[in-house]
Amino acid sequence: MTRILLVEDNEMNRDMLSRRLIRKGFKVEIATDGKQGLAIAQADPPDLILMDMSLPVLDGWEATRQLKTNTITQHIPVIGLSAHAMTGDREKGMAAGCNDYDTKPIEFKRLLGKIQALLNQNAKS
């Protein structure tokens, strides 16, 4: 079963997204801040990470940078999630190490397409 780590501090977003992912057959683990997300990813690396960029303790930008510089976690695809849809935010996410970026509110079908594309790409490498 494909494991997704959802790093999200907003309870409503966590609940909605995790339930929909579980219904699609994913195993979902949850972290509520960037530091906790890093710890989970390093202890038991998931197949993919959905990373909110605006997090307490350690924000998603820095958490992603740290994931991508760690040999244990650098191969894990990360999709940055943010309510920030301003020009340059996607580029900032990609520069931090995100493999893709999506905006909130989440359009689930579009996000699912990005998840599948990255999982397929990772399976080939």
C-alpha atoms as a PDB file:
ATOM      1  CA  MET A   1       0.000   0.000   0.000  1.00  0.00           C
ATOM      2  CA  THR A   2       1.368   3.411  -0.994  1.00  0.00           C
ATOM      3  CA  ARG A   3       2.157   5.564   2.044  1.00  0.00           C
ATOM      4  CA  ILE A   4       1.621   9.314   1.976  1.00  0.00           C
ATOM      5  CA  LEU A   5       2.799  11.616   4.724  1.00  0.00           C
ATOM      6  CA  LEU A   6       0.445  14.585   5.041  1.00  0.00           C
ATOM      7  CA  VAL A   7       2.099  17.495   6.844  1.00  0.00           C
ATOM      8  CA  GLU A   8      -0.740  19.904   7.595  1.00  0.00           C
ATOM      9  CA  ASP A   9      -1.543  22.005  10.677  1.00  0.00           C
ATOM     10  CA  ASN A  10      -5.160  22.826   9.811  1.00  0.00           C
ATOM     11  CA  GLU A  11      -7.421  20.146  11.281  1.00  0.00           C
ATOM     12  CA  MET A  12     -10.190  20.588   8.715  1.00  0.00           C
ATOM     13  CA  ASN A  13      -7.752  20.327   5.792  1.00  0.00           C
ATOM     14  CA  ARG A  14      -6.061  17.282   7.367  1.00  0.00           C
ATOM     15  CA  ASP A  15      -9.352  15.500   7.940  1.00  0.00           C
ATOM     16  CA  MET A  16     -10.795  16.200   4.485  1.00  0.00           C
ATOM     17  CA  LEU A  17      -7.649  15.325   2.568  1.00  0.00           C
ATOM     18  CA  SER A  18      -6.710  12.246   4.594  1.00  0.00           C
ATOM     19  CA  ARG A  19     -10.216  10.751   4.282  1.00  0.00           C
ATOM     20  CA  ARG A  20     -10.256  11.260   0.520  1.00  0.00           C
ATOM     21  CA  LEU A  21      -6.774   9.759   0.108  1.00  0.00           C
ATOM     22  CA  ILE A  22      -7.690   6.734   2.242  1.00  0.00           C
ATOM     23  CA  ARG A  23     -10.777   6.182   0.076  1.00  0.00           C
ATOM     24  CA  LYS A  24      -8.456   6.112  -2.952  1.00  0.00           C
ATOM     25  CA  GLY A  25      -6.425   3.311  -1.332  1.00  0.00           C
ATOM     26  CA  PHE A  26      -3.504   5.223   0.196  1.00  0.00           C
ATOM     27  CA  LYS A  27      -2.182   4.735   3.711  1.00  0.00           C
ATOM     28  CA  VAL A  28      -1.967   8.212   5.230  1.00  0.00           C
ATOM     29  CA  GLU A  29       0.291   9.306   8.066  1.00  0.00           C
ATOM     30  CA  ILE A  30      -0.112  12.754   9.568  1.00  0.00           C
ATOM     31  CA  ALA A  31       2.235  15.373  10.984  1.00  0.00           C
ATOM     32  CA  THR A  32       1.010  18.727  12.269  1.00  0.00           C
ATOM     33  CA  ASP A  33       4.233  20.729  11.857  1.00  0.00           C
ATOM     34  CA  GLY A  34       7.415  20.623   9.807  1.00  0.00           C
ATOM     35  CA  LYS A  35       9.607  19.278  12.597  1.00  0.00           C
ATOM     36  CA  GLN A  36       7.260  16.363  13.239  1.00  0.00           C
ATOM     37  CA  GLY A  37       7.052  15.743   9.481  1.00  0.00           C
ATOM     38  CA  LEU A  38      10.845  15.531   9.228  1.00  0.00           C
ATOM     39  CA  ALA A  39      11.027  13.107  12.151  1.00  0.00           C
ATOM     40  CA  ILE A  40       8.388  10.790  10.654  1.00  0.00           C
ATOM     41  CA  ALA A  41       9.960  10.909   7.175  1.00  0.00           C
ATOM     42  CA  GLN A  42      13.410  10.070   8.556  1.00  0.00           C
ATOM     43  CA  ALA A  43      12.199   7.271  10.842  1.00  0.00           C
ATOM     44  CA  ASP A  44      10.072   5.519   8.219  1.00  0.00           C
ATOM     45  CA  PRO A  45      10.276   7.177   4.784  1.00  0.00           C
ATOM     46  CA  PRO A  46       6.889   7.404   3.014  1.00  0.00           C
ATOM     47  CA  ASP A  47       6.366   7.053  -0.736  1.00  0.00           C
ATOM     48  CA  LEU A  48       5.311  10.704  -1.079  1.00  0.00           C
ATOM     49  CA  ILE A  49       4.894  13.800   1.099  1.00  0.00           C
ATOM     50  CA  LEU A  50       2.162  16.427   0.885  1.00  0.00           C
ATOM     51  CA  MET A  51       3.721  19.445   2.584  1.00  0.00           C
ATOM     52  CA  ASP A  52       1.769  22.501   3.669  1.00  0.00           C
ATOM     53  CA  MET A  53       4.153  25.427   3.312  1.00  0.00           C
ATOM     54  CA  SER A  54       2.749  27.544   6.181  1.00  0.00           C
ATOM     55  CA  LEU A  55       3.404  25.413   9.255  1.00  0.00           C
ATOM     56  CA  PRO A  56       4.211  26.098  12.902  1.00  0.00           C
ATOM     57  CA  VAL A  57       7.549  25.148  14.545  1.00  0.00           C
ATOM     58  CA  LEU A  58       9.330  24.581  11.202  1.00  0.00           C
ATOM     59  CA  ASP A  59       7.673  25.877   8.031  1.00  0.00           C
ATOM     60  CA  GLY A  60       7.210  23.757   4.924  1.00  0.00           C
ATOM     61  CA  TRP A  61       9.865  25.656   2.961  1.00  0.00           C
ATOM     62  CA  GLU A  62      12.608  24.800   5.460  1.00  0.00           C
ATOM     63  CA  ALA A  63      11.284  21.292   6.158  1.00  0.00           C
ATOM     64  CA  THR A  64      11.428  20.536   2.409  1.00  0.00           C
ATOM     65  CA  ARG A  65      14.960  21.941   2.139  1.00  0.00           C
ATOM     66  CA  GLN A  66      16.052  19.669   4.989  1.00  0.00           C
ATOM     67  CA  LEU A  67      14.307  16.635   3.470  1.00  0.00           C
ATOM     68  CA  LYS A  68      16.095  17.187   0.171  1.00  0.00           C
ATOM     69  CA  THR A  69      19.559  17.496   1.755  1.00  0.00           C
ATOM     70  CA  ASN A  70      19.190  14.315   3.840  1.00  0.00           C
ATOM     71  CA  THR A  71      20.326  11.102   2.100  1.00  0.00           C
ATOM     72  CA  ILE A  72      17.539   9.132   3.825  1.00  0.00           C
ATOM     73  CA  THR A  73      14.734  11.368   2.540  1.00  0.00           C
ATOM     74  CA  GLN A  74      16.030  13.210  -0.536  1.00  0.00           C
ATOM     75  CA  HIS A  75      14.440  10.710  -2.962  1.00  0.00           C
ATOM     76  CA  ILE A  76      10.902  11.189  -1.561  1.00  0.00           C
ATOM     77  CA  PRO A  77       8.688  13.244  -3.889  1.00  0.00           C
ATOM     78  CA  VAL A  78       7.242  16.324  -2.164  1.00  0.00           C
ATOM     79  CA  ILE A  79       4.180  18.232  -3.306  1.00  0.00           C
ATOM     80  CA  GLY A  80       4.046  21.667  -1.698  1.00  0.00           C
ATOM     81  CA  LEU A  81       0.563  22.857  -0.717  1.00  0.00           C
ATOM     82  CA  SER A  82      -0.213  26.475  -0.063  1.00  0.00           C
ATOM     83  CA  ALA A  83      -3.019  28.991  -0.038  1.00  0.00           C
ATOM     84  CA  HIS A  84      -0.441  31.362  -1.567  1.00  0.00           C
ATOM     85  CA  ALA A  85      -1.169  31.535  -5.268  1.00  0.00           C
ATOM     86  CA  MET A  86       0.810  34.658  -5.952  1.00  0.00           C
ATOM     87  CA  THR A  87       3.301  34.916  -8.793  1.00  0.00           C
ATOM     88  CA  GLY A  88       6.564  33.316  -7.782  1.00  0.00           C
ATOM     89  CA  ASP A  89       5.188  31.055  -5.024  1.00  0.00           C
ATOM     90  CA  ARG A  90       5.329  27.941  -7.199  1.00  0.00           C
ATOM     91  CA  GLU A  91       8.908  28.791  -8.173  1.00  0.00           C
ATOM     92  CA  LYS A  92       9.790  29.372  -4.523  1.00  0.00           C
ATOM     93  CA  GLY A  93       8.369  25.939  -3.671  1.00  0.00           C
ATOM     94  CA  MET A  94      10.315  24.279  -6.458  1.00  0.00           C
ATOM     95  CA  ALA A  95      13.498  26.086  -5.378  1.00  0.00           C
ATOM     96  CA  ALA A  96      12.994  24.737  -1.837  1.00  0.00           C
ATOM     97  CA  GLY A  97      12.985  21.220  -3.309  1.00  0.00           C
ATOM     98  CA  CYS A  98       9.324  20.477  -3.998  1.00  0.00           C
ATOM     99  CA  ASN A  99       8.774  18.165  -6.944  1.00  0.00           C
ATOM    100  CA  ASP A 100       5.430  19.823  -7.608  1.00  0.00           C
ATOM    101  CA  TYR A 101       3.228  22.495  -6.077  1.00  0.00           C
ATOM    102  CA  ASP A 102      -0.530  22.903  -5.696  1.00  0.00           C
ATOM    103  CA  THR A 103      -2.735  25.642  -4.323  1.00  0.00           C
ATOM    104  CA  LYS A 104      -5.501  25.582  -1.736  1.00  0.00           C
ATOM    105  CA  PRO A 105      -8.355  25.114  -1.708  1.00  0.00           C
ATOM    106  CA  ILE A 106      -7.381  21.673  -2.996  1.00  0.00           C
ATOM    107  CA  GLU A 107      -8.956  20.473  -6.211  1.00  0.00           C
ATOM    108  CA  PHE A 108      -8.719  16.767  -5.355  1.00  0.00           C
ATOM    109  CA  LYS A 109      -8.780  15.391  -8.895  1.00  0.00           C
ATOM    110  CA  ARG A 110      -5.901  17.657  -9.945  1.00  0.00           C
ATOM    111  CA  LEU A 111      -3.900  16.806  -6.805  1.00  0.00           C
ATOM    112  CA  LEU A 112      -4.507  13.092  -7.341  1.00  0.00           C
ATOM    113  CA  GLY A 113      -3.129  13.438 -10.874  1.00  0.00           C
ATOM    114  CA  LYS A 114       0.031  15.063  -9.523  1.00  0.00           C
ATOM    115  CA  ILE A 115       0.404  12.352  -6.864  1.00  0.00           C
ATOM    116  CA  GLN A 116       0.053   9.554  -9.445  1.00  0.00           C
ATOM    117  CA  ALA A 117       2.487  11.240 -11.856  1.00  0.00           C
ATOM    118  CA  LEU A 118       5.170  11.572  -9.185  1.00  0.00           C
ATOM    119  CA  LEU A 119       4.652   8.028  -7.872  1.00  0.00           C
ATOM    120  CA  ASN A 120       4.913   6.654 -11.432  1.00  0.00           C
ATOM    121  CA  GLN A 121       8.017   8.750 -12.112  1.00  0.00           C
ATOM    122  CA  ASN A 122       9.635   7.577  -8.856  1.00  0.00           C
ATOM    123  CA  ALA A 123       8.819   3.923  -9.634  1.00  0.00           C
ATOM    124  CA  LYS A 124      10.698   4.212 -12.947  1.00  0.00           C
ATOM    125  CA  SER A 125      13.860   5.666 -11.363  1.00  0.00           C
END
